[in-house]
Amino acid sequence: MQITNLKKLCDIFWVFLRISPVTFGGGYAMIPAIEREVVEKKDWMNDEEMSELLSIAGAAPGGIGVNASALVGYHIAGIVGAIVAVIGITLPTFLIVLMLSVLYSFVEHYPKMQATLEGIHAAIVGLIIAAGYKMAKSSITDKMTLIAAIGTVIVLLFVPIHPILVIIMGLFLGLIVVYLKDRWGMRSPLHKEKAKTAISYKYADYFIADGI
């Protein structure tokens, strides 16, 4: 059992150790790489679980990449898994930034270096857009969530307001909308979750009745 846990922790560490050095642009640029490794390759989580995790990671203080790695590690192997994942994703970045900070002072005036940085900046924008698109597919479920998403973008672009206030406003807006939909007999995203849970219990009862 201990060998299995050690192998799992090593696997978590190696996955995030590989993601960090090849992902430029910070946490949001890491999201597509994290999702590909965790959901598609390792099958540690499904798309819905990953979407919920990214929502929490984005709302919590700190970088979304580090937050996401901690939550994935915790989901797989508890507190130790979270610690291992955070070390894995931060260690290469720390070493690379330390090295580049020394080298950049010698080459910052070279035209080729400036061109390289411009290319990296453009690629980062693409990675962030891809991450936003994937999150939108699973997060925008009806007209209300679409309006909330568009309204958030407009507010952040044109109103000098702190993002944490927008997150809090979104939290209360979601609670109010779900309450009103339930009161008026309208279907909300929570009904889908309840339906899935009911189906899961139905199948569980079926297997138990058959002695499986």
C-alpha atoms as a PDB file:
ATOM      1  CA  MET A   1       0.000   0.000   0.000  1.00  0.00           C
ATOM      2  CA  GLN A   2       2.803   2.408   0.857  1.00  0.00           C
ATOM      3  CA  ILE A   3       4.563   1.599  -2.415  1.00  0.00           C
ATOM      4  CA  THR A   4       1.366   2.364  -4.322  1.00  0.00           C
ATOM      5  CA  ASN A   5       0.963   5.718  -2.542  1.00  0.00           C
ATOM      6  CA  LEU A   6       4.616   6.596  -3.171  1.00  0.00           C
ATOM      7  CA  LYS A   7       4.210   5.785  -6.871  1.00  0.00           C
ATOM      8  CA  LYS A   8       1.096   7.958  -7.046  1.00  0.00           C
ATOM      9  CA  LEU A   9       2.881  10.872  -5.353  1.00  0.00           C
ATOM     10  CA  CYS A  10       5.849  10.514  -7.713  1.00  0.00           C
ATOM     11  CA  ASP A  11       3.438  10.497 -10.649  1.00  0.00           C
ATOM     12  CA  ILE A  12       1.757  13.691  -9.409  1.00  0.00           C
ATOM     13  CA  PHE A  13       5.116  15.387  -8.877  1.00  0.00           C
ATOM     14  CA  TRP A  14       6.385  14.379 -12.321  1.00  0.00           C
ATOM     15  CA  VAL A  15       3.241  15.549 -14.126  1.00  0.00           C
ATOM     16  CA  PHE A  16       3.366  19.046 -12.641  1.00  0.00           C
ATOM     17  CA  LEU A  17       7.149  19.200 -12.878  1.00  0.00           C
ATOM     18  CA  ARG A  18       6.807  18.698 -16.654  1.00  0.00           C
ATOM     19  CA  ILE A  19       3.995  21.230 -17.035  1.00  0.00           C
ATOM     20  CA  SER A  20       5.723  24.154 -15.327  1.00  0.00           C
ATOM     21  CA  PRO A  21       8.897  24.625 -17.439  1.00  0.00           C
ATOM     22  CA  VAL A  22       7.129  24.491 -20.827  1.00  0.00           C
ATOM     23  CA  THR A  23       4.206  26.798 -19.992  1.00  0.00           C
ATOM     24  CA  PHE A  24       4.892  30.507 -20.441  1.00  0.00           C
ATOM     25  CA  GLY A  25       2.461  33.187 -19.348  1.00  0.00           C
ATOM     26  CA  GLY A  26       1.480  32.310 -15.812  1.00  0.00           C
ATOM     27  CA  GLY A  27      -1.383  30.334 -14.351  1.00  0.00           C
ATOM     28  CA  TYR A  28      -4.033  30.786 -17.029  1.00  0.00           C
ATOM     29  CA  ALA A  29      -1.609  29.659 -19.717  1.00  0.00           C
ATOM     30  CA  MET A  30      -1.025  26.483 -17.672  1.00  0.00           C
ATOM     31  CA  ILE A  31      -4.706  25.514 -17.629  1.00  0.00           C
ATOM     32  CA  PRO A  32      -4.818  23.784 -21.061  1.00  0.00           C
ATOM     33  CA  ALA A  33      -1.690  21.768 -20.186  1.00  0.00           C
ATOM     34  CA  ILE A  34      -3.023  20.813 -16.734  1.00  0.00           C
ATOM     35  CA  GLU A  35      -6.387  19.819 -18.210  1.00  0.00           C
ATOM     36  CA  ARG A  36      -4.759  17.716 -20.927  1.00  0.00           C
ATOM     37  CA  GLU A  37      -2.598  15.831 -18.437  1.00  0.00           C
ATOM     38  CA  VAL A  38      -5.173  15.395 -15.666  1.00  0.00           C
ATOM     39  CA  VAL A  39      -8.305  14.720 -17.734  1.00  0.00           C
ATOM     40  CA  GLU A  40      -7.178  13.296 -21.061  1.00  0.00           C
ATOM     41  CA  LYS A  41      -3.935  11.455 -20.344  1.00  0.00           C
ATOM     42  CA  LYS A  42      -4.121  10.402 -16.684  1.00  0.00           C
ATOM     43  CA  ASP A  43      -7.920  10.260 -16.346  1.00  0.00           C
ATOM     44  CA  TRP A  44      -7.647  11.467 -12.745  1.00  0.00           C
ATOM     45  CA  MET A  45     -10.707  13.721 -13.167  1.00  0.00           C
ATOM     46  CA  ASN A  46     -13.485  14.249 -15.694  1.00  0.00           C
ATOM     47  CA  ASP A  47     -14.320  17.490 -17.550  1.00  0.00           C
ATOM     48  CA  GLU A  48     -17.051  18.505 -15.112  1.00  0.00           C
ATOM     49  CA  GLU A  49     -14.852  18.002 -12.045  1.00  0.00           C
ATOM     50  CA  MET A  50     -12.035  19.921 -13.726  1.00  0.00           C
ATOM     51  CA  SER A  51     -14.359  22.815 -14.551  1.00  0.00           C
ATOM     52  CA  GLU A  52     -15.525  23.065 -10.924  1.00  0.00           C
ATOM     53  CA  LEU A  53     -11.929  22.855  -9.712  1.00  0.00           C
ATOM     54  CA  LEU A  54     -10.844  25.673 -12.038  1.00  0.00           C
ATOM     55  CA  SER A  55     -13.719  27.841 -10.815  1.00  0.00           C
ATOM     56  CA  ILE A  56     -12.523  27.421  -7.229  1.00  0.00           C
ATOM     57  CA  ALA A  57      -8.874  27.896  -8.205  1.00  0.00           C
ATOM     58  CA  GLY A  58      -9.696  31.125 -10.048  1.00  0.00           C
ATOM     59  CA  ALA A  59     -11.758  32.537  -7.194  1.00  0.00           C
ATOM     60  CA  ALA A  60      -9.211  31.694  -4.484  1.00  0.00           C
ATOM     61  CA  PRO A  61      -6.302  34.034  -3.671  1.00  0.00           C
ATOM     62  CA  GLY A  62      -3.023  33.349  -5.446  1.00  0.00           C
ATOM     63  CA  GLY A  63      -2.075  32.122  -8.908  1.00  0.00           C
ATOM     64  CA  ILE A  64      -4.648  29.909 -10.612  1.00  0.00           C
ATOM     65  CA  GLY A  65      -1.977  27.459 -11.808  1.00  0.00           C
ATOM     66  CA  VAL A  66      -0.655  26.811  -8.307  1.00  0.00           C
ATOM     67  CA  ASN A  67      -4.182  26.705  -6.877  1.00  0.00           C
ATOM     68  CA  ALA A  68      -5.287  24.225  -9.537  1.00  0.00           C
ATOM     69  CA  SER A  69      -2.278  21.985  -8.940  1.00  0.00           C
ATOM     70  CA  ALA A  70      -2.941  21.989  -5.192  1.00  0.00           C
ATOM     71  CA  LEU A  71      -6.596  21.060  -5.695  1.00  0.00           C
ATOM     72  CA  VAL A  72      -5.751  18.304  -8.183  1.00  0.00           C
ATOM     73  CA  GLY A  73      -3.111  16.895  -5.837  1.00  0.00           C
ATOM     74  CA  TYR A  74      -5.556  17.000  -2.929  1.00  0.00           C
ATOM     75  CA  HIS A  75      -8.237  15.296  -5.017  1.00  0.00           C
ATOM     76  CA  ILE A  76      -5.876  12.445  -5.880  1.00  0.00           C
ATOM     77  CA  ALA A  77      -3.816  11.937  -2.724  1.00  0.00           C
ATOM     78  CA  GLY A  78      -5.023  14.268   0.020  1.00  0.00           C
ATOM     79  CA  ILE A  79      -2.892  16.917   1.730  1.00  0.00           C
ATOM     80  CA  VAL A  80       0.392  15.214   0.850  1.00  0.00           C
ATOM     81  CA  GLY A  81      -0.674  15.102  -2.795  1.00  0.00           C
ATOM     82  CA  ALA A  82      -1.437  18.830  -2.726  1.00  0.00           C
ATOM     83  CA  ILE A  83       1.998  19.613  -1.254  1.00  0.00           C
ATOM     84  CA  VAL A  84       3.774  17.430  -3.818  1.00  0.00           C
ATOM     85  CA  ALA A  85       1.834  18.998  -6.708  1.00  0.00           C
ATOM     86  CA  VAL A  86       2.628  22.552  -5.561  1.00  0.00           C
ATOM     87  CA  ILE A  87       6.328  21.731  -5.193  1.00  0.00           C
ATOM     88  CA  GLY A  88       6.331  20.134  -8.625  1.00  0.00           C
ATOM     89  CA  ILE A  89       4.758  23.113 -10.364  1.00  0.00           C
ATOM     90  CA  THR A  90       6.734  25.835  -8.543  1.00  0.00           C
ATOM     91  CA  LEU A  91      10.240  24.342  -8.368  1.00  0.00           C
ATOM     92  CA  PRO A  92      11.106  24.570 -12.100  1.00  0.00           C
ATOM     93  CA  THR A  93       9.647  28.078 -12.345  1.00  0.00           C
ATOM     94  CA  PHE A  94      11.719  29.276  -9.407  1.00  0.00           C
ATOM     95  CA  LEU A  95      14.935  27.850 -10.867  1.00  0.00           C
ATOM     96  CA  ILE A  96      14.229  29.098 -14.398  1.00  0.00           C
ATOM     97  CA  VAL A  97      13.332  32.628 -13.274  1.00  0.00           C
ATOM     98  CA  LEU A  98      16.437  32.742 -11.102  1.00  0.00           C
ATOM     99  CA  MET A  99      18.598  31.735 -14.058  1.00  0.00           C
ATOM    100  CA  LEU A 100      16.856  34.018 -16.569  1.00  0.00           C
ATOM    101  CA  SER A 101      17.054  37.026 -14.275  1.00  0.00           C
ATOM    102  CA  VAL A 102      20.819  36.682 -14.372  1.00  0.00           C
ATOM    103  CA  LEU A 103      21.070  36.021 -18.129  1.00  0.00           C
ATOM    104  CA  TYR A 104      18.511  38.632 -19.210  1.00  0.00           C
ATOM    105  CA  SER A 105      20.589  41.500 -17.887  1.00  0.00           C
ATOM    106  CA  PHE A 106      23.268  40.564 -20.454  1.00  0.00           C
ATOM    107  CA  VAL A 107      21.038  40.045 -23.526  1.00  0.00           C
ATOM    108  CA  GLU A 108      18.017  42.332 -23.001  1.00  0.00           C
ATOM    109  CA  HIS A 109      19.222  44.853 -25.620  1.00  0.00           C
ATOM    110  CA  TYR A 110      19.654  42.304 -28.440  1.00  0.00           C
ATOM    111  CA  PRO A 111      16.978  42.566 -31.213  1.00  0.00           C
ATOM    112  CA  LYS A 112      16.580  38.775 -31.387  1.00  0.00           C
ATOM    113  CA  MET A 113      15.774  38.628 -27.696  1.00  0.00           C
ATOM    114  CA  GLN A 114      13.107  41.317 -28.117  1.00  0.00           C
ATOM    115  CA  ALA A 115      11.626  39.388 -31.059  1.00  0.00           C
ATOM    116  CA  THR A 116      11.595  36.195 -28.999  1.00  0.00           C
ATOM    117  CA  LEU A 117       9.694  37.863 -26.176  1.00  0.00           C
ATOM    118  CA  GLU A 118       7.142  39.350 -28.595  1.00  0.00           C
ATOM    119  CA  GLY A 119       6.489  35.876 -30.012  1.00  0.00           C
ATOM    120  CA  ILE A 120       6.066  34.428 -26.523  1.00  0.00           C
ATOM    121  CA  HIS A 121       3.602  37.196 -25.619  1.00  0.00           C
ATOM    122  CA  ALA A 122       1.444  36.393 -28.664  1.00  0.00           C
ATOM    123  CA  ALA A 123       1.455  32.674 -27.848  1.00  0.00           C
ATOM    124  CA  ILE A 124       0.434  33.413 -24.254  1.00  0.00           C
ATOM    125  CA  VAL A 125      -2.643  35.297 -25.459  1.00  0.00           C
ATOM    126  CA  GLY A 126      -3.637  32.251 -27.507  1.00  0.00           C
ATOM    127  CA  LEU A 127      -3.214  29.909 -24.536  1.00  0.00           C
ATOM    128  CA  ILE A 128      -5.322  32.137 -22.285  1.00  0.00           C
ATOM    129  CA  ILE A 129      -8.077  32.376 -24.925  1.00  0.00           C
ATOM    130  CA  ALA A 130      -8.075  28.570 -25.294  1.00  0.00           C
ATOM    131  CA  ALA A 131      -8.362  28.136 -21.518  1.00  0.00           C
ATOM    132  CA  GLY A 132     -11.199  30.678 -21.377  1.00  0.00           C
ATOM    133  CA  TYR A 133     -13.060  28.915 -24.197  1.00  0.00           C
ATOM    134  CA  LYS A 134     -12.873  25.519 -22.467  1.00  0.00           C
ATOM    135  CA  MET A 135     -14.054  26.992 -19.169  1.00  0.00           C
ATOM    136  CA  ALA A 136     -16.900  28.827 -20.934  1.00  0.00           C
ATOM    137  CA  LYS A 137     -18.180  25.615 -22.558  1.00  0.00           C
ATOM    138  CA  SER A 138     -18.777  23.997 -19.181  1.00  0.00           C
ATOM    139  CA  SER A 139     -19.651  27.122 -17.168  1.00  0.00           C
ATOM    140  CA  ILE A 140     -22.125  28.913 -19.446  1.00  0.00           C
ATOM    141  CA  THR A 141     -25.201  26.711 -19.216  1.00  0.00           C
ATOM    142  CA  ASP A 142     -28.108  29.102 -19.853  1.00  0.00           C
ATOM    143  CA  LYS A 143     -28.997  32.685 -20.742  1.00  0.00           C
ATOM    144  CA  MET A 144     -28.396  33.906 -17.192  1.00  0.00           C
ATOM    145  CA  THR A 145     -24.834  32.575 -17.026  1.00  0.00           C
ATOM    146  CA  LEU A 146     -24.171  34.005 -20.502  1.00  0.00           C
ATOM    147  CA  ILE A 147     -25.404  37.431 -19.406  1.00  0.00           C
ATOM    148  CA  ALA A 148     -23.318  37.183 -16.216  1.00  0.00           C
ATOM    149  CA  ALA A 149     -20.188  36.307 -18.217  1.00  0.00           C
ATOM    150  CA  ILE A 150     -20.661  39.161 -20.699  1.00  0.00           C
ATOM    151  CA  GLY A 151     -21.515  41.595 -17.903  1.00  0.00           C
ATOM    152  CA  THR A 152     -18.387  40.592 -15.975  1.00  0.00           C
ATOM    153  CA  VAL A 153     -16.160  41.255 -19.002  1.00  0.00           C
ATOM    154  CA  ILE A 154     -17.748  44.667 -19.567  1.00  0.00           C
ATOM    155  CA  VAL A 155     -17.460  45.648 -15.896  1.00  0.00           C
ATOM    156  CA  LEU A 156     -13.806  44.595 -15.660  1.00  0.00           C
ATOM    157  CA  LEU A 157     -12.911  46.432 -18.877  1.00  0.00           C
ATOM    158  CA  PHE A 158     -14.664  49.732 -18.215  1.00  0.00           C
ATOM    159  CA  VAL A 159     -15.251  50.024 -14.463  1.00  0.00           C
ATOM    160  CA  PRO A 160     -12.406  50.539 -11.948  1.00  0.00           C
ATOM    161  CA  ILE A 161     -13.499  47.758  -9.598  1.00  0.00           C
ATOM    162  CA  HIS A 162     -11.482  45.079  -7.830  1.00  0.00           C
ATOM    163  CA  PRO A 163     -11.966  41.552  -9.298  1.00  0.00           C
ATOM    164  CA  ILE A 164     -12.732  40.094  -5.852  1.00  0.00           C
ATOM    165  CA  LEU A 165     -15.822  42.324  -5.674  1.00  0.00           C
ATOM    166  CA  VAL A 166     -16.961  41.001  -9.049  1.00  0.00           C
ATOM    167  CA  ILE A 167     -16.528  37.420  -7.803  1.00  0.00           C
ATOM    168  CA  ILE A 168     -18.577  38.172  -4.673  1.00  0.00           C
ATOM    169  CA  MET A 169     -21.277  39.819  -6.798  1.00  0.00           C
ATOM    170  CA  GLY A 170     -21.356  36.754  -9.035  1.00  0.00           C
ATOM    171  CA  LEU A 171     -21.738  34.510  -5.988  1.00  0.00           C
ATOM    172  CA  PHE A 172     -24.789  36.402  -4.708  1.00  0.00           C
ATOM    173  CA  LEU A 173     -26.217  36.710  -8.212  1.00  0.00           C
ATOM    174  CA  GLY A 174     -26.007  32.940  -8.657  1.00  0.00           C
ATOM    175  CA  LEU A 175     -27.739  32.299  -5.337  1.00  0.00           C
ATOM    176  CA  ILE A 176     -30.517  34.759  -6.157  1.00  0.00           C
ATOM    177  CA  VAL A 177     -31.085  33.355  -9.653  1.00  0.00           C
ATOM    178  CA  VAL A 178     -31.250  29.748  -8.449  1.00  0.00           C
ATOM    179  CA  TYR A 179     -33.634  30.744  -5.633  1.00  0.00           C
ATOM    180  CA  LEU A 180     -35.944  32.596  -8.008  1.00  0.00           C
ATOM    181  CA  LYS A 181     -35.923  29.785 -10.571  1.00  0.00           C
ATOM    182  CA  ASP A 182     -36.806  27.245  -7.892  1.00  0.00           C
ATOM    183  CA  ARG A 183     -39.564  29.527  -6.590  1.00  0.00           C
ATOM    184  CA  TRP A 184     -41.024  30.047 -10.059  1.00  0.00           C
ATOM    185  CA  GLY A 185     -40.742  26.361 -10.982  1.00  0.00           C
ATOM    186  CA  MET A 186     -38.061  26.888 -13.625  1.00  0.00           C
ATOM    187  CA  ARG A 187     -35.204  24.485 -14.249  1.00  0.00           C
ATOM    188  CA  SER A 188     -31.756  25.538 -13.067  1.00  0.00           C
ATOM    189  CA  PRO A 189     -28.307  23.890 -13.468  1.00  0.00           C
ATOM    190  CA  LEU A 190     -28.777  22.385 -10.002  1.00  0.00           C
ATOM    191  CA  HIS A 191     -31.645  20.280 -11.331  1.00  0.00           C
ATOM    192  CA  LYS A 192     -29.218  18.537 -13.664  1.00  0.00           C
ATOM    193  CA  GLU A 193     -26.965  17.665 -10.755  1.00  0.00           C
ATOM    194  CA  LYS A 194     -29.948  16.357  -8.787  1.00  0.00           C
ATOM    195  CA  ALA A 195     -31.036  14.274 -11.764  1.00  0.00           C
ATOM    196  CA  LYS A 196     -27.555  12.773 -12.125  1.00  0.00           C
ATOM    197  CA  THR A 197     -27.483  11.948  -8.426  1.00  0.00           C
ATOM    198  CA  ALA A 198     -30.921  10.318  -8.644  1.00  0.00           C
ATOM    199  CA  ILE A 199     -29.803   8.201 -11.601  1.00  0.00           C
ATOM    200  CA  SER A 200     -26.642   7.166  -9.747  1.00  0.00           C
ATOM    201  CA  TYR A 201     -28.706   6.061  -6.725  1.00  0.00           C
ATOM    202  CA  LYS A 202     -31.115   4.228  -9.024  1.00  0.00           C
ATOM    203  CA  TYR A 203     -28.302   2.204 -10.578  1.00  0.00           C
ATOM    204  CA  ALA A 204     -26.728   1.609  -7.165  1.00  0.00           C
ATOM    205  CA  ASP A 205     -30.039   0.229  -5.856  1.00  0.00           C
ATOM    206  CA  TYR A 206     -30.301  -1.969  -8.932  1.00  0.00           C
ATOM    207  CA  PHE A 207     -26.852  -3.464  -8.388  1.00  0.00           C
ATOM    208  CA  ILE A 208     -27.480  -3.974  -4.676  1.00  0.00           C
ATOM    209  CA  ALA A 209     -30.796  -5.716  -5.400  1.00  0.00           C
ATOM    210  CA  ASP A 210     -29.056  -8.051  -7.828  1.00  0.00           C
ATOM    211  CA  GLY A 211     -26.315  -8.793  -5.321  1.00  0.00           C
ATOM    212  CA  ILE A 212     -23.585  -7.258  -7.430  1.00  0.00           C
END
